[in-house]
C-alpha atoms as a PDB file:
ATOM      1  CA  ILE A   1      17.994   6.077  20.931  1.00  0.00           C
ATOM      2  CA  PHE A   2      15.867   3.598  22.778  1.00  0.00           C
ATOM      3  CA  ALA A   3      13.182   1.994  20.725  1.00  0.00           C
ATOM      4  CA  PRO A   4      10.537   0.255  22.596  1.00  0.00           C
ATOM      5  CA  PRO A   5       9.523  -3.098  21.301  1.00  0.00           C
ATOM      6  CA  GLU A   6       6.600  -3.335  19.066  1.00  0.00           C
ATOM      7  CA  SER A   7       4.302  -5.177  21.295  1.00  0.00           C
ATOM      8  CA  LYS A   8       4.379  -2.186  23.413  1.00  0.00           C
ATOM      9  CA  PHE A   9       2.523  -0.584  20.859  1.00  0.00           C
ATOM     10  CA  PRO A  10      -0.015  -2.631  19.167  1.00  0.00           C
ATOM     11  CA  LEU A  11      -1.494   0.160  16.951  1.00  0.00           C
ATOM     12  CA  ARG A  12       1.975   0.634  15.485  1.00  0.00           C
ATOM     13  CA  LYS A  13       2.482  -3.155  15.099  1.00  0.00           C
ATOM     14  CA  ASP A  14      -0.966  -3.375  13.246  1.00  0.00           C
ATOM     15  CA  LEU A  15       0.164  -0.787  11.075  1.00  0.00           C
ATOM     16  CA  ALA A  16       3.450  -2.102   9.965  1.00  0.00           C
ATOM     17  CA  ARG A  17       1.738  -5.273   9.340  1.00  0.00           C
ATOM     18  CA  ALA A  18      -1.089  -3.947   7.446  1.00  0.00           C
ATOM     19  CA  LEU A  19       1.080  -1.979   4.890  1.00  0.00           C
ATOM     20  CA  ARG A  20       3.520  -4.487   4.537  1.00  0.00           C
ATOM     21  CA  LEU A  21       1.158  -7.114   3.399  1.00  0.00           C
ATOM     22  CA  GLY A  22      -1.352  -4.887   1.719  1.00  0.00           C
ATOM     23  CA  ASP A  23      -4.145  -5.797   4.153  1.00  0.00           C
ATOM     24  CA  MET A  24      -6.731  -2.811   3.857  1.00  0.00           C
ATOM     25  CA  VAL A  25      -9.049  -4.134   6.303  1.00  0.00           C
ATOM     26  CA  GLN A  26      -6.680  -4.282   8.759  1.00  0.00           C
ATOM     27  CA  PHE A  27      -5.397  -0.638   7.782  1.00  0.00           C
ATOM     28  CA  LYS A  28      -8.742   0.596   8.219  1.00  0.00           C
ATOM     29  CA  THR A  29      -8.970  -1.139  11.222  1.00  0.00           C
ATOM     30  CA  ALA A  30      -5.954   0.482  12.843  1.00  0.00           C
ATOM     31  CA  ILE A  31      -6.902   4.024  11.482  1.00  0.00           C
ATOM     32  CA  HIS A  32     -10.429   3.803  13.345  1.00  0.00           C
ATOM     33  CA  ALA A  33      -8.737   2.463  16.350  1.00  0.00           C
ATOM     34  CA  LEU A  34      -6.333   5.533  16.328  1.00  0.00           C
ATOM     35  CA  PHE A  35      -9.011   8.413  16.145  1.00  0.00           C
ATOM     36  CA  ALA A  36     -11.064   6.405  18.674  1.00  0.00           C
ATOM     37  CA  ALA A  37      -8.468   6.740  21.040  1.00  0.00           C
ATOM     38  CA  ILE A  38      -8.065  10.349  20.989  1.00  0.00           C
ATOM     39  CA  PRO A  39     -10.000  12.073  23.788  1.00  0.00           C
ATOM     40  CA  TYR A  40     -13.166  13.863  23.253  1.00  0.00           C
ATOM     41  CA  HIS A  41     -12.167  16.784  25.165  1.00  0.00           C
ATOM     42  CA  ASN A  42      -9.358  17.519  22.791  1.00  0.00           C
ATOM     43  CA  TYR A  43     -12.182  18.591  20.249  1.00  0.00           C
ATOM     44  CA  THR A  44     -13.980  20.571  22.808  1.00  0.00           C
ATOM     45  CA  LYS A  45     -14.083  24.463  22.120  1.00  0.00           C
ATOM     46  CA  ASN A  46     -12.561  24.284  19.007  1.00  0.00           C
ATOM     47  CA  ASP A  47     -13.449  23.005  15.385  1.00  0.00           C
ATOM     48  CA  ILE A  48     -10.687  20.961  14.314  1.00  0.00           C
ATOM     49  CA  ALA A  49     -12.677  17.875  13.303  1.00  0.00           C
ATOM     50  CA  ARG A  50     -13.683  19.582  10.104  1.00  0.00           C
ATOM     51  CA  TYR A  51     -10.444  20.122   8.636  1.00  0.00           C
ATOM     52  CA  GLU A  52      -8.926  17.750   6.418  1.00  0.00           C
ATOM     53  CA  GLY A  53      -5.544  18.759   7.450  1.00  0.00           C
ATOM     54  CA  PHE A  54      -6.136  17.624  11.176  1.00  0.00           C
ATOM     55  CA  TYR A  55      -6.897  13.669   9.900  1.00  0.00           C
ATOM     56  CA  ALA A  56      -3.796  14.028   7.645  1.00  0.00           C
ATOM     57  CA  SER A  57      -1.872  15.084  10.374  1.00  0.00           C
ATOM     58  CA  VAL A  58      -2.789  12.765  13.008  1.00  0.00           C
ATOM     59  CA  ILE A  59      -2.125  10.177  10.151  1.00  0.00           C
ATOM     60  CA  PHE A  60       1.110  12.064   9.190  1.00  0.00           C
ATOM     61  CA  ALA A  61       2.514  11.671  12.488  1.00  0.00           C
ATOM     62  CA  TRP A  62       1.555   7.906  12.976  1.00  0.00           C
ATOM     63  CA  LEU A  63       2.945   6.723   9.671  1.00  0.00           C
ATOM     64  CA  SER A  64       5.941   8.537  10.479  1.00  0.00           C
ATOM     65  CA  SER A  65       6.604   6.160  13.463  1.00  0.00           C
ATOM     66  CA  VAL A  66       7.210   3.291  11.329  1.00  0.00           C
ATOM     67  CA  PRO A  67      10.307   2.931   8.661  1.00  0.00           C
ATOM     68  CA  LEU A  68       8.232   3.928   5.366  1.00  0.00           C
ATOM     69  CA  GLN A  69       9.057   6.559   2.917  1.00  0.00           C
ATOM     70  CA  LEU A  70       6.200   8.848   2.995  1.00  0.00           C
ATOM     71  CA  VAL A  71       5.330  12.017   1.360  1.00  0.00           C
ATOM     72  CA  VAL A  72       2.638  14.240   2.156  1.00  0.00           C
ATOM     73  CA  GLU A  73       1.393  16.626  -0.424  1.00  0.00           C
ATOM     74  CA  ASP A  74       2.980  14.617  -3.322  1.00  0.00           C
ATOM     75  CA  CYS A  75       3.180  16.710  -6.431  1.00  0.00           C
ATOM     76  CA  THR A  76       2.647  15.208  -9.833  1.00  0.00           C
ATOM     77  CA  ASN A  77       2.162  17.128 -12.970  1.00  0.00           C
ATOM     78  CA  LYS A  78      -1.837  17.035 -12.425  1.00  0.00           C
ATOM     79  CA  GLY A  79      -2.077  18.190  -8.962  1.00  0.00           C
ATOM     80  CA  ARG A  80      -1.074  16.589  -5.307  1.00  0.00           C
ATOM     81  CA  ILE A  81      -1.556  13.487  -3.660  1.00  0.00           C
ATOM     82  CA  ASP A  82      -2.594  14.255   0.046  1.00  0.00           C
ATOM     83  CA  MET A  83      -0.184  11.461   1.152  1.00  0.00           C
ATOM     84  CA  SER A  84       1.768   8.862  -0.657  1.00  0.00           C
ATOM     85  CA  VAL A  85       3.313   5.965   1.402  1.00  0.00           C
ATOM     86  CA  GLU A  86       5.654   3.228   0.081  1.00  0.00           C
ATOM     87  CA  THR A  87       6.799  -0.339   1.257  1.00  0.00           C
ATOM     88  CA  ASP A  88       8.911  -2.814  -0.331  1.00  0.00           C
ATOM     89  CA  ASP A  89       5.916  -4.118  -2.547  1.00  0.00           C
ATOM     90  CA  PHE A  90       3.040  -1.648  -2.662  1.00  0.00           C
ATOM     91  CA  ILE A  91       2.773   2.152  -2.942  1.00  0.00           C
ATOM     92  CA  TYR A  92      -0.018   3.603  -1.111  1.00  0.00           C
ATOM     93  CA  LEU A  93      -1.785   6.753  -3.059  1.00  0.00           C
ATOM     94  CA  ILE A  94      -4.138   8.299  -0.033  1.00  0.00           C
ATOM     95  CA  GLU A  95      -6.920  11.215  -0.436  1.00  0.00           C
ATOM     96  CA  PHE A  96      -8.836  12.526   2.351  1.00  0.00           C
ATOM     97  CA  LYS A  97     -12.134  14.171   2.453  1.00  0.00           C
ATOM     98  CA  VAL A  98     -14.159  15.532   5.607  1.00  0.00           C
ATOM     99  CA  ASP A  99     -17.790  15.491   5.196  1.00  0.00           C
ATOM    100  CA  MET A 100     -17.938  14.212   1.649  1.00  0.00           C
ATOM    101  CA  PRO A 101     -18.111  10.989  -0.095  1.00  0.00           C
ATOM    102  CA  GLU A 102     -14.944   9.078  -0.098  1.00  0.00           C
ATOM    103  CA  GLU A 103     -15.825   7.971  -3.728  1.00  0.00           C
ATOM    104  CA  LYS A 104     -14.891  11.757  -4.477  1.00  0.00           C
ATOM    105  CA  ALA A 105     -11.231  11.192  -2.987  1.00  0.00           C
ATOM    106  CA  LEU A 106     -11.064   7.906  -5.204  1.00  0.00           C
ATOM    107  CA  ALA A 107     -12.169   9.427  -8.364  1.00  0.00           C
ATOM    108  CA  GLN A 108      -9.756  12.362  -7.708  1.00  0.00           C
ATOM    109  CA  ILE A 109      -6.818   9.958  -7.592  1.00  0.00           C
ATOM    110  CA  LYS A 110      -7.878   8.535 -11.046  1.00  0.00           C
ATOM    111  CA  THR A 111      -9.110  11.335 -12.717  1.00  0.00           C
ATOM    112  CA  LYS A 112      -5.902  13.467 -11.890  1.00  0.00           C
ATOM    113  CA  GLY A 113      -3.857   9.925 -12.940  1.00  0.00           C
ATOM    114  CA  TYR A 114      -2.052  10.399  -9.595  1.00  0.00           C
ATOM    115  CA  ALA A 115      -0.718   6.727 -10.044  1.00  0.00           C
ATOM    116  CA  GLU A 116       1.164   7.501 -13.151  1.00  0.00           C
ATOM    117  CA  LYS A 117       4.000   8.979 -11.317  1.00  0.00           C
ATOM    118  CA  TYR A 118       4.953   5.696  -9.947  1.00  0.00           C
ATOM    119  CA  GLN A 119       4.264   3.340 -12.999  1.00  0.00           C
ATOM    120  CA  SER A 120       8.066   2.880 -13.673  1.00  0.00           C
ATOM    121  CA  LYS A 121       8.476   1.215 -10.188  1.00  0.00           C
ATOM    122  CA  ASN A 122       7.793  -2.516  -9.809  1.00  0.00           C
ATOM    123  CA  LYS A 123       5.410  -2.340  -7.107  1.00  0.00           C
ATOM    124  CA  LYS A 124       1.701  -2.635  -6.987  1.00  0.00           C
ATOM    125  CA  SER A 125      -0.143   0.745  -6.420  1.00  0.00           C
ATOM    126  CA  VAL A 126      -3.171   0.850  -4.288  1.00  0.00           C
ATOM    127  CA  LEU A 127      -5.487   3.941  -4.254  1.00  0.00           C
ATOM    128  CA  ILE A 128      -7.143   4.963  -1.608  1.00  0.00           C
ATOM    129  CA  GLY A 129     -10.056   7.121  -0.420  1.00  0.00           C
ATOM    130  CA  ILE A 130     -10.981   7.929   3.181  1.00  0.00           C
ATOM    131  CA  GLY A 131     -13.571  10.073   4.274  1.00  0.00           C
ATOM    132  CA  PHE A 132     -13.974  11.481   7.830  1.00  0.00           C
ATOM    133  CA  SER A 133     -17.175  12.799   9.874  1.00  0.00           C
ATOM    134  CA  SER A 134     -16.792  15.519  11.938  1.00  0.00           C
ATOM    135  CA  GLU A 135     -19.474  14.709  13.856  1.00  0.00           C
ATOM    136  CA  GLU A 136     -18.016  11.377  14.697  1.00  0.00           C
ATOM    137  CA  LYS A 137     -14.629  12.275  14.481  1.00  0.00           C
ATOM    138  CA  ASN A 138     -13.221   9.461  12.839  1.00  0.00           C
ATOM    139  CA  VAL A 139     -13.375   7.171   9.637  1.00  0.00           C
ATOM    140  CA  THR A 140     -16.666   6.594   7.973  1.00  0.00           C
ATOM    141  CA  GLU A 141     -15.703   5.587   4.769  1.00  0.00           C
ATOM    142  CA  PHE A 142     -13.018   3.823   3.020  1.00  0.00           C
ATOM    143  CA  VAL A 143     -12.734   2.745  -0.612  1.00  0.00           C
ATOM    144  CA  TRP A 144      -9.659   1.091  -2.168  1.00  0.00           C
ATOM    145  CA  GLU A 145      -8.972  -0.355  -5.447  1.00  0.00           C
ATOM    146  CA  MET A 146      -5.472  -1.520  -6.958  1.00  0.00           C
ATOM    147  CA  ALA A 147      -4.345   0.864  -9.963  1.00  0.00           C
ATOM    148  CA  SER A 148      -4.841  -0.575 -13.426  1.00  0.00           C
ATOM    149  CA  ASP A 149      -1.567  -1.273 -15.345  1.00  0.00           C
ATOM    150  CA  LYS A 150      -1.238   0.811 -18.355  1.00  0.00           C
END
């Protein structure tokens, strides 16, 4: 299998670096650039931009291009995390919302105690709420915080 050099895929390189280092500003920037690169005519004559699953699927496909442990609809005893991503040092718990405040996504992660599933691992858990606008067809809100140790 031929794997092109990372330099030929700057979005993938930015993504890998951001997640490896825990750089949430770069992670948000890379996600925004990814959705900005999707041609507008992919959205014409359909309403795909209204669905959370569209955004989650694009990010899933993109994250799958980087060697990470990735789980979508990650089940816990209290619900499902939209996506969890694990690196050597971090566990990212991500909730997506469309046309809703991202605070709602972050609140869901905290209220449902999603980070509890990963407490036994010696890694930093990062809780991320990402809001998309069906009108903008991109990330419009991005909030994150470190999980508190209990």
